[in-house]
Every structure is written in structure tokens, then in C-alpha cells.
PDB file of all heavy atoms in Angstrom:
ATOM      1  N   SER A   1    -108.532 -70.298 -14.823  1.00  0.00           N
ATOM      2  CA  SER A   1    -109.554 -69.382 -15.373  1.00  0.00           C
ATOM      3  C   SER A   1    -108.992 -68.788 -16.666  1.00  0.00           C
ATOM      4  O   SER A   1    -109.761 -68.654 -17.621  1.00  0.00           O
ATOM      5  CB  SER A   1    -109.822 -68.331 -14.349  1.00  0.00           C
ATOM      6  OG  SER A   1    -110.439 -68.832 -13.196  1.00  0.00           O
ATOM      7  N   ARG A   2    -107.768 -68.366 -16.664  1.00  0.00           N
ATOM      8  CA  ARG A   2    -107.241 -67.706 -17.889  1.00  0.00           C
ATOM      9  C   ARG A   2    -107.193 -68.736 -19.048  1.00  0.00           C
ATOM     10  O   ARG A   2    -107.430 -68.408 -20.130  1.00  0.00           O
ATOM     11  CB  ARG A   2    -105.861 -67.122 -17.591  1.00  0.00           C
ATOM     12  CG  ARG A   2    -105.904 -65.951 -16.608  1.00  0.00           C
ATOM     13  CD  ARG A   2    -104.507 -65.277 -16.526  1.00  0.00           C
ATOM     14  NE  ARG A   2    -104.479 -64.190 -15.560  1.00  0.00           N
ATOM     15  CZ  ARG A   2    -104.147 -64.336 -14.300  1.00  0.00           C
ATOM     16  NH1 ARG A   2    -103.692 -65.546 -13.873  1.00  0.00           N
ATOM     17  NH2 ARG A   2    -104.164 -63.306 -13.410  1.00  0.00           N
ATOM     18  N   ALA A   3    -106.793 -69.909 -18.691  1.00  0.00           N
ATOM     19  CA  ALA A   3    -106.621 -71.000 -19.693  1.00  0.00           C
ATOM     20  C   ALA A   3    -108.043 -71.320 -20.260  1.00  0.00           C
ATOM     21  O   ALA A   3    -108.147 -71.459 -21.497  1.00  0.00           O
ATOM     22  CB  ALA A   3    -106.119 -72.271 -19.078  1.00  0.00           C
ATOM     23  N   LYS A   4    -109.049 -71.331 -19.484  1.00  0.00           N
ATOM     24  CA  LYS A   4    -110.418 -71.623 -19.932  1.00  0.00           C
ATOM     25  C   LYS A   4    -110.898 -70.418 -20.852  1.00  0.00           C
ATOM     26  O   LYS A   4    -111.501 -70.690 -21.878  1.00  0.00           O
ATOM     27  CB  LYS A   4    -111.347 -71.828 -18.730  1.00  0.00           C
ATOM     28  CG  LYS A   4    -112.825 -71.957 -19.136  1.00  0.00           C
ATOM     29  CD  LYS A   4    -113.545 -70.679 -18.756  1.00  0.00           C
ATOM     30  CE  LYS A   4    -115.069 -70.775 -19.055  1.00  0.00           C
ATOM     31  NZ  LYS A   4    -115.771 -69.528 -18.770  1.00  0.00           N
ATOM     32  N   ASP A   5    -110.656 -69.220 -20.388  1.00  0.00           N
ATOM     33  CA  ASP A   5    -111.077 -68.087 -21.216  1.00  0.00           C
ATOM     34  C   ASP A   5    -110.449 -68.055 -22.587  1.00  0.00           C
ATOM     35  O   ASP A   5    -111.090 -67.828 -23.630  1.00  0.00           O
ATOM     36  CB  ASP A   5    -110.777 -66.807 -20.502  1.00  0.00           C
ATOM     37  CG  ASP A   5    -111.618 -66.559 -19.271  1.00  0.00           C
ATOM     38  OD1 ASP A   5    -112.642 -67.289 -19.096  1.00  0.00           O
ATOM     39  OD2 ASP A   5    -111.242 -65.720 -18.413  1.00  0.00           O
ATOM     40  N   GLU A   6    -109.135 -68.451 -22.642  1.00  0.00           N
ATOM     41  CA  GLU A   6    -108.450 -68.486 -23.968  1.00  0.00           C
ATOM     42  C   GLU A   6    -108.950 -69.628 -24.761  1.00  0.00           C
ATOM     43  O   GLU A   6    -109.141 -69.487 -26.023  1.00  0.00           O
ATOM     44  CB  GLU A   6    -106.926 -68.661 -23.664  1.00  0.00           C
ATOM     45  CG  GLU A   6    -106.120 -68.650 -24.979  1.00  0.00           C
ATOM     46  CD  GLU A   6    -104.617 -68.742 -24.690  1.00  0.00           C
ATOM     47  OE1 GLU A   6    -104.198 -69.052 -23.552  1.00  0.00           O
ATOM     48  OE2 GLU A   6    -103.857 -68.532 -25.703  1.00  0.00           O
ATOM     49  N   MET A   7    -109.247 -70.742 -24.129  1.00  0.00           N
ATOM     50  CA  MET A   7    -109.855 -71.842 -24.878  1.00  0.00           C
ATOM     51  C   MET A   7    -111.106 -71.484 -25.494  1.00  0.00           C
ATOM     52  O   MET A   7    -111.471 -71.818 -26.658  1.00  0.00           O
ATOM     53  CB  MET A   7    -110.040 -72.974 -23.873  1.00  0.00           C
ATOM     54  CG  MET A   7    -110.663 -74.248 -24.450  1.00  0.00           C
ATOM     55  SD  MET A   7    -110.983 -75.484 -23.201  1.00  0.00           S
ATOM     56  CE  MET A   7    -112.563 -74.828 -22.475  1.00  0.00           C
ATOM     57  N   PHE A   8    -112.010 -70.815 -24.720  1.00  0.00           N
ATOM     58  CA  PHE A   8    -113.319 -70.410 -25.288  1.00  0.00           C
ATOM     59  C   PHE A   8    -113.192 -69.485 -26.510  1.00  0.00           C
ATOM     60  O   PHE A   8    -113.960 -69.621 -27.444  1.00  0.00           O
ATOM     61  CB  PHE A   8    -114.208 -69.764 -24.187  1.00  0.00           C
ATOM     62  CG  PHE A   8    -115.080 -70.715 -23.432  1.00  0.00           C
ATOM     63  CD1 PHE A   8    -114.573 -71.952 -22.947  1.00  0.00           C
ATOM     64  CD2 PHE A   8    -116.359 -70.366 -23.187  1.00  0.00           C
ATOM     65  CE1 PHE A   8    -115.369 -72.774 -22.334  1.00  0.00           C
ATOM     66  CE2 PHE A   8    -117.206 -71.238 -22.517  1.00  0.00           C
ATOM     67  CZ  PHE A   8    -116.770 -72.459 -22.065  1.00  0.00           C
ATOM     68  N   VAL A   9    -112.226 -68.556 -26.421  1.00  0.00           N
ATOM     69  CA  VAL A   9    -112.039 -67.598 -27.558  1.00  0.00           C
ATOM     70  C   VAL A   9    -111.766 -68.427 -28.828  1.00  0.00           C
ATOM     71  O   VAL A   9    -112.286 -68.044 -29.905  1.00  0.00           O
ATOM     72  CB  VAL A   9    -110.830 -66.696 -27.245  1.00  0.00           C
ATOM     73  CG1 VAL A   9    -110.441 -65.934 -28.484  1.00  0.00           C
ATOM     74  CG2 VAL A   9    -111.166 -65.713 -26.146  1.00  0.00           C
ATOM     75  N   HIS A  10    -110.986 -69.470 -28.815  1.00  0.00           N
ATOM     76  CA  HIS A  10    -110.591 -70.225 -30.000  1.00  0.00           C
ATOM     77  C   HIS A  10    -111.568 -71.333 -30.341  1.00  0.00           C
ATOM     78  O   HIS A  10    -111.636 -71.709 -31.580  1.00  0.00           O
ATOM     79  CB  HIS A  10    -109.242 -70.827 -29.828  1.00  0.00           C
ATOM     80  CG  HIS A  10    -108.147 -69.757 -29.745  1.00  0.00           C
ATOM     81  ND1 HIS A  10    -107.490 -69.274 -30.903  1.00  0.00           N
ATOM     82  CD2 HIS A  10    -107.579 -69.075 -28.701  1.00  0.00           C
ATOM     83  CE1 HIS A  10    -106.614 -68.414 -30.494  1.00  0.00           C
ATOM     84  NE2 HIS A  10    -106.624 -68.259 -29.183  1.00  0.00           N
ATOM     85  N   THR A  11    -112.304 -71.863 -29.462  1.00  0.00           N
ATOM     86  CA  THR A  11    -113.038 -73.087 -29.707  1.00  0.00           C
ATOM     87  C   THR A  11    -114.560 -72.992 -29.530  1.00  0.00           C
ATOM     88  O   THR A  11    -115.306 -73.939 -29.818  1.00  0.00           O
ATOM     89  CB  THR A  11    -112.541 -74.299 -28.834  1.00  0.00           C
ATOM     90  OG1 THR A  11    -112.835 -73.945 -27.411  1.00  0.00           O
ATOM     91  CG2 THR A  11    -111.050 -74.531 -28.981  1.00  0.00           C
ATOM     92  N   ASP A  12    -115.053 -71.866 -29.206  1.00  0.00           N
ATOM     93  CA  ASP A  12    -116.479 -71.595 -29.112  1.00  0.00           C
ATOM     94  C   ASP A  12    -116.972 -71.205 -30.540  1.00  0.00           C
ATOM     95  O   ASP A  12    -117.176 -70.015 -30.797  1.00  0.00           O
ATOM     96  CB  ASP A  12    -116.790 -70.557 -28.089  1.00  0.00           C
ATOM     97  CG  ASP A  12    -118.283 -70.386 -27.840  1.00  0.00           C
ATOM     98  OD1 ASP A  12    -119.017 -71.315 -28.156  1.00  0.00           O
ATOM     99  OD2 ASP A  12    -118.746 -69.293 -27.290  1.00  0.00           O
ATOM    100  N   ILE A  13    -117.150 -72.215 -31.387  1.00  0.00           N
ATOM    101  CA  ILE A  13    -117.388 -71.932 -32.785  1.00  0.00           C
ATOM    102  C   ILE A  13    -118.907 -72.229 -33.083  1.00  0.00           C
ATOM    103  O   ILE A  13    -119.508 -72.996 -32.395  1.00  0.00           O
ATOM    104  CB  ILE A  13    -116.500 -72.809 -33.688  1.00  0.00           C
ATOM    105  CG1 ILE A  13    -116.738 -74.308 -33.414  1.00  0.00           C
ATOM    106  CG2 ILE A  13    -115.007 -72.426 -33.496  1.00  0.00           C
ATOM    107  CD1 ILE A  13    -115.896 -75.235 -34.252  1.00  0.00           C
ATOM    108  N   PRO A  14    -119.489 -71.595 -34.120  1.00  0.00           N
ATOM    109  CA  PRO A  14    -120.833 -71.839 -34.473  1.00  0.00           C
ATOM    110  C   PRO A  14    -121.188 -73.260 -34.680  1.00  0.00           C
ATOM    111  O   PRO A  14    -122.278 -73.674 -34.276  1.00  0.00           O
ATOM    112  CB  PRO A  14    -121.060 -70.975 -35.702  1.00  0.00           C
ATOM    113  CG  PRO A  14    -119.962 -69.924 -35.719  1.00  0.00           C
ATOM    114  CD  PRO A  14    -118.798 -70.574 -34.999  1.00  0.00           C
ATOM    115  N   GLU A  15    -120.292 -74.019 -35.357  1.00  0.00           N
ATOM    116  CA  GLU A  15    -120.562 -75.391 -35.569  1.00  0.00           C
ATOM    117  C   GLU A  15    -120.565 -76.269 -34.312  1.00  0.00           C
ATOM    118  O   GLU A  15    -121.276 -77.273 -34.310  1.00  0.00           O
ATOM    119  CB  GLU A  15    -119.521 -75.959 -36.550  1.00  0.00           C
ATOM    120  CG  GLU A  15    -119.519 -75.299 -37.950  1.00  0.00           C
ATOM    121  CD  GLU A  15    -118.626 -74.032 -37.917  1.00  0.00           C
ATOM    122  OE1 GLU A  15    -118.209 -73.587 -36.817  1.00  0.00           O
ATOM    123  OE2 GLU A  15    -118.333 -73.552 -39.049  1.00  0.00           O
ATOM    124  N   ALA A  16    -119.861 -75.835 -33.339  1.00  0.00           N
ATOM    125  CA  ALA A  16    -119.778 -76.644 -32.081  1.00  0.00           C
ATOM    126  C   ALA A  16    -119.554 -75.715 -30.890  1.00  0.00           C
ATOM    127  O   ALA A  16    -118.483 -75.561 -30.357  1.00  0.00           O
ATOM    128  CB  ALA A  16    -118.599 -77.634 -32.124  1.00  0.00           C
ATOM    129  N   PRO A  17    -120.639 -74.974 -30.494  1.00  0.00           N
ATOM    130  CA  PRO A  17    -120.510 -74.021 -29.492  1.00  0.00           C
ATOM    131  C   PRO A  17    -120.344 -74.568 -28.128  1.00  0.00           C
ATOM    132  O   PRO A  17    -120.808 -75.719 -27.902  1.00  0.00           O
ATOM    133  CB  PRO A  17    -121.792 -73.164 -29.595  1.00  0.00           C
ATOM    134  CG  PRO A  17    -122.837 -74.173 -30.162  1.00  0.00           C
ATOM    135  CD  PRO A  17    -121.961 -75.068 -31.131  1.00  0.00           C
ATOM    136  N   TRP A  18    -119.814 -73.834 -27.191  1.00  0.00           N
ATOM    137  CA  TRP A  18    -119.806 -74.234 -25.765  1.00  0.00           C
ATOM    138  C   TRP A  18    -121.080 -73.915 -25.155  1.00  0.00           C
ATOM    139  O   TRP A  18    -121.689 -72.849 -25.382  1.00  0.00           O
ATOM    140  CB  TRP A  18    -118.666 -73.549 -25.034  1.00  0.00           C
ATOM    141  CG  TRP A  18    -117.387 -74.230 -25.181  1.00  0.00           C
ATOM    142  CD1 TRP A  18    -116.282 -73.779 -25.998  1.00  0.00           C
ATOM    143  CD2 TRP A  18    -116.952 -75.478 -24.593  1.00  0.00           C
ATOM    144  NE1 TRP A  18    -115.219 -74.641 -25.876  1.00  0.00           N
ATOM    145  CE2 TRP A  18    -115.564 -75.664 -25.031  1.00  0.00           C
ATOM    146  CE3 TRP A  18    -117.500 -76.389 -23.666  1.00  0.00           C
ATOM    147  CZ2 TRP A  18    -114.800 -76.794 -24.611  1.00  0.00           C
ATOM    148  CZ3 TRP A  18    -116.785 -77.473 -23.357  1.00  0.00           C
ATOM    149  CH2 TRP A  18    -115.420 -77.699 -23.748  1.00  0.00           C
ATOM    150  N   ASN A  19    -121.583 -74.792 -24.249  1.00  0.00           N
ATOM    151  CA  ASN A  19    -122.791 -74.564 -23.451  1.00  0.00           C
ATOM    152  C   ASN A  19    -122.365 -74.610 -22.007  1.00  0.00           C
ATOM    153  O   ASN A  19    -121.950 -75.658 -21.480  1.00  0.00           O
ATOM    154  CB  ASN A  19    -123.838 -75.641 -23.753  1.00  0.00           C
ATOM    155  CG  ASN A  19    -124.210 -75.727 -25.222  1.00  0.00           C
ATOM    156  OD1 ASN A  19    -124.947 -74.817 -25.772  1.00  0.00           O
ATOM    157  ND2 ASN A  19    -123.766 -76.735 -25.882  1.00  0.00           N
ATOM    158  N   VAL A  20    -122.428 -73.489 -21.338  1.00  0.00           N
ATOM    159  CA  VAL A  20    -122.020 -73.363 -19.960  1.00  0.00           C
ATOM    160  C   VAL A  20    -123.185 -73.762 -18.980  1.00  0.00           C
ATOM    161  O   VAL A  20    -124.313 -73.275 -19.112  1.00  0.00           O
ATOM    162  CB  VAL A  20    -121.568 -71.922 -19.613  1.00  0.00           C
ATOM    163  CG1 VAL A  20    -121.192 -71.750 -18.132  1.00  0.00           C
ATOM    164  CG2 VAL A  20    -120.429 -71.545 -20.502  1.00  0.00           C
ATOM    165  N   VAL A  21    -122.894 -74.669 -18.056  1.00  0.00           N
ATOM    166  CA  VAL A  21    -123.794 -75.157 -17.127  1.00  0.00           C
ATOM    167  C   VAL A  21    -123.388 -74.668 -15.741  1.00  0.00           C
ATOM    168  O   VAL A  21    -122.278 -74.980 -15.206  1.00  0.00           O
ATOM    169  CB  VAL A  21    -123.871 -76.699 -17.078  1.00  0.00           C
ATOM    170  CG1 VAL A  21    -124.880 -77.218 -16.002  1.00  0.00           C
ATOM    171  CG2 VAL A  21    -124.101 -77.301 -18.428  1.00  0.00           C
ATOM    172  N   ASP A  22    -124.184 -73.798 -15.123  1.00  0.00           N
ATOM    173  CA  ASP A  22    -123.909 -73.342 -13.734  1.00  0.00           C
ATOM    174  C   ASP A  22    -124.114 -74.481 -12.838  1.00  0.00           C
ATOM    175  O   ASP A  22    -125.214 -75.037 -12.729  1.00  0.00           O
ATOM    176  CB  ASP A  22    -124.843 -72.154 -13.386  1.00  0.00           C
ATOM    177  CG  ASP A  22    -124.563 -70.891 -14.243  1.00  0.00           C
ATOM    178  OD1 ASP A  22    -123.411 -70.671 -14.511  1.00  0.00           O
ATOM    179  OD2 ASP A  22    -125.517 -70.250 -14.582  1.00  0.00           O
ATOM    180  N   SER A  23    -123.061 -74.891 -12.085  1.00  0.00           N
ATOM    181  CA  SER A  23    -123.159 -76.108 -11.358  1.00  0.00           C
ATOM    182  C   SER A  23    -122.901 -76.007  -9.856  1.00  0.00           C
ATOM    183  O   SER A  23    -122.505 -76.976  -9.209  1.00  0.00           O
ATOM    184  CB  SER A  23    -122.185 -77.187 -11.996  1.00  0.00           C
ATOM    185  OG  SER A  23    -120.765 -76.662 -11.864  1.00  0.00           O
ATOM    186  N   ASP A  24    -122.981 -74.780  -9.289  1.00  0.00           N
ATOM    187  CA  ASP A  24    -122.927 -74.769  -7.851  1.00  0.00           C
ATOM    188  C   ASP A  24    -124.014 -75.589  -7.224  1.00  0.00           C
ATOM    189  O   ASP A  24    -123.826 -76.136  -6.078  1.00  0.00           O
ATOM    190  CB  ASP A  24    -123.040 -73.231  -7.406  1.00  0.00           C
ATOM    191  CG  ASP A  24    -121.668 -72.626  -7.325  1.00  0.00           C
ATOM    192  OD1 ASP A  24    -120.708 -73.215  -7.841  1.00  0.00           O
ATOM    193  OD2 ASP A  24    -121.537 -71.439  -6.825  1.00  0.00           O
ATOM    194  N   ASP A  25    -125.148 -75.654  -7.859  1.00  0.00           N
ATOM    195  CA  ASP A  25    -126.249 -76.524  -7.410  1.00  0.00           C
ATOM    196  C   ASP A  25    -126.265 -77.734  -8.368  1.00  0.00           C
ATOM    197  O   ASP A  25    -126.663 -77.658  -9.475  1.00  0.00           O
ATOM    198  CB  ASP A  25    -127.642 -75.803  -7.434  1.00  0.00           C
ATOM    199  CG  ASP A  25    -128.774 -76.546  -7.002  1.00  0.00           C
ATOM    200  OD1 ASP A  25    -128.733 -77.810  -7.105  1.00  0.00           O
ATOM    201  OD2 ASP A  25    -129.682 -76.037  -6.321  1.00  0.00           O
ATOM    202  N   LYS A  26    -125.826 -78.880  -7.824  1.00  0.00           N
ATOM    203  CA  LYS A  26    -125.646 -80.085  -8.707  1.00  0.00           C
ATOM    204  C   LYS A  26    -126.915 -80.559  -9.293  1.00  0.00           C
ATOM    205  O   LYS A  26    -127.037 -80.975 -10.446  1.00  0.00           O
ATOM    206  CB  LYS A  26    -124.993 -81.162  -7.856  1.00  0.00           C
ATOM    207  CG  LYS A  26    -123.451 -81.025  -7.725  1.00  0.00           C
ATOM    208  CD  LYS A  26    -122.885 -82.274  -7.120  1.00  0.00           C
ATOM    209  CE  LYS A  26    -121.385 -82.240  -6.967  1.00  0.00           C
ATOM    210  NZ  LYS A  26    -120.817 -83.483  -6.482  1.00  0.00           N
ATOM    211  N   ARG A  27    -128.001 -80.468  -8.562  1.00  0.00           N
ATOM    212  CA  ARG A  27    -129.228 -80.952  -9.002  1.00  0.00           C
ATOM    213  C   ARG A  27    -129.785 -80.130 -10.184  1.00  0.00           C
ATOM    214  O   ARG A  27    -130.263 -80.627 -11.174  1.00  0.00           O
ATOM    215  CB  ARG A  27    -130.289 -81.002  -7.878  1.00  0.00           C
ATOM    216  CG  ARG A  27    -130.032 -82.094  -6.790  1.00  0.00           C
ATOM    217  CD  ARG A  27    -131.208 -82.217  -5.877  1.00  0.00           C
ATOM    218  NE  ARG A  27    -131.149 -83.418  -5.100  1.00  0.00           N
ATOM    219  CZ  ARG A  27    -132.189 -84.016  -4.429  1.00  0.00           C
ATOM    220  NH1 ARG A  27    -133.343 -83.270  -4.406  1.00  0.00           N
ATOM    221  NH2 ARG A  27    -132.023 -85.125  -3.738  1.00  0.00           N
ATOM    222  N   ARG A  28    -129.703 -78.797  -9.978  1.00  0.00           N
ATOM    223  CA  ARG A  28    -130.082 -77.907 -11.105  1.00  0.00           C
ATOM    224  C   ARG A  28    -129.205 -78.173 -12.331  1.00  0.00           C
ATOM    225  O   ARG A  28    -129.704 -78.185 -13.443  1.00  0.00           O
ATOM    226  CB  ARG A  28    -130.009 -76.497 -10.695  1.00  0.00           C
ATOM    227  CG  ARG A  28    -131.091 -75.968  -9.778  1.00  0.00           C
ATOM    228  CD  ARG A  28    -130.882 -74.533  -9.379  1.00  0.00           C
ATOM    229  NE  ARG A  28    -131.939 -74.032  -8.647  1.00  0.00           N
ATOM    230  CZ  ARG A  28    -133.000 -73.369  -9.130  1.00  0.00           C
ATOM    231  NH1 ARG A  28    -133.014 -73.169 -10.381  1.00  0.00           N
ATOM    232  NH2 ARG A  28    -133.976 -72.857  -8.346  1.00  0.00           N
ATOM    233  N   ALA A  29    -127.914 -78.367 -12.084  1.00  0.00           N
ATOM    234  CA  ALA A  29    -127.005 -78.540 -13.211  1.00  0.00           C
ATOM    235  C   ALA A  29    -127.455 -79.811 -14.023  1.00  0.00           C
ATOM    236  O   ALA A  29    -127.427 -79.780 -15.215  1.00  0.00           O
ATOM    237  CB  ALA A  29    -125.576 -78.638 -12.693  1.00  0.00           C
ATOM    238  N   ARG A  30    -127.683 -80.889 -13.296  1.00  0.00           N
ATOM    239  CA  ARG A  30    -128.078 -82.144 -14.010  1.00  0.00           C
ATOM    240  C   ARG A  30    -129.343 -81.907 -14.813  1.00  0.00           C
ATOM    241  O   ARG A  30    -129.439 -82.323 -16.033  1.00  0.00           O
ATOM    242  CB  ARG A  30    -128.242 -83.242 -12.966  1.00  0.00           C
ATOM    243  CG  ARG A  30    -127.030 -83.658 -12.207  1.00  0.00           C
ATOM    244  CD  ARG A  30    -127.422 -84.433 -11.020  1.00  0.00           C
ATOM    245  NE  ARG A  30    -126.311 -84.589 -10.138  1.00  0.00           N
ATOM    246  CZ  ARG A  30    -126.419 -84.967  -8.812  1.00  0.00           C
ATOM    247  NH1 ARG A  30    -127.632 -85.146  -8.286  1.00  0.00           N
ATOM    248  NH2 ARG A  30    -125.314 -85.048  -8.028  1.00  0.00           N
ATOM    249  N   ILE A  31    -130.373 -81.329 -14.201  1.00  0.00           N
ATOM    250  CA  ILE A  31    -131.619 -81.138 -14.877  1.00  0.00           C
ATOM    251  C   ILE A  31    -131.424 -80.255 -16.096  1.00  0.00           C
ATOM    252  O   ILE A  31    -131.909 -80.524 -17.224  1.00  0.00           O
ATOM    253  CB  ILE A  31    -132.638 -80.485 -13.919  1.00  0.00           C
ATOM    254  CG1 ILE A  31    -133.056 -81.494 -12.837  1.00  0.00           C
ATOM    255  CG2 ILE A  31    -133.889 -80.035 -14.664  1.00  0.00           C
ATOM    256  CD1 ILE A  31    -133.833 -82.676 -13.373  1.00  0.00           C
ATOM    257  N   ASN A  32    -130.720 -79.161 -15.961  1.00  0.00           N
ATOM    258  CA  ASN A  32    -130.526 -78.084 -16.954  1.00  0.00           C
ATOM    259  C   ASN A  32    -129.661 -78.742 -18.179  1.00  0.00           C
ATOM    260  O   ASN A  32    -130.066 -78.580 -19.349  1.00  0.00           O
ATOM    261  CB  ASN A  32    -129.801 -76.906 -16.489  1.00  0.00           C
ATOM    262  CG  ASN A  32    -130.681 -76.143 -15.562  1.00  0.00           C
ATOM    263  OD1 ASN A  32    -131.927 -76.210 -15.550  1.00  0.00           O
ATOM    264  ND2 ASN A  32    -130.094 -75.340 -14.674  1.00  0.00           N
TER     265      ASN A  32
END
């Protein structure tokens, strides 16, 4: 979790932003 948070701080850039997919429900995740 800490590694992911640090990664987002440095790599969530306007040119290539991260898009978070809530995936506890796999079907919703695929559709979304």
C-alpha cells in the first residue's frame, strides 16, 4: 500500500494519469 501510494505521487501525471478501477466486484470492474 505504501509503495503504491508513493508510486502514484510520482507517476500520476497529466499526460498519463492513473485511472483507479474498484475491483471487489469483477463484473463491474470489467464493464467500467
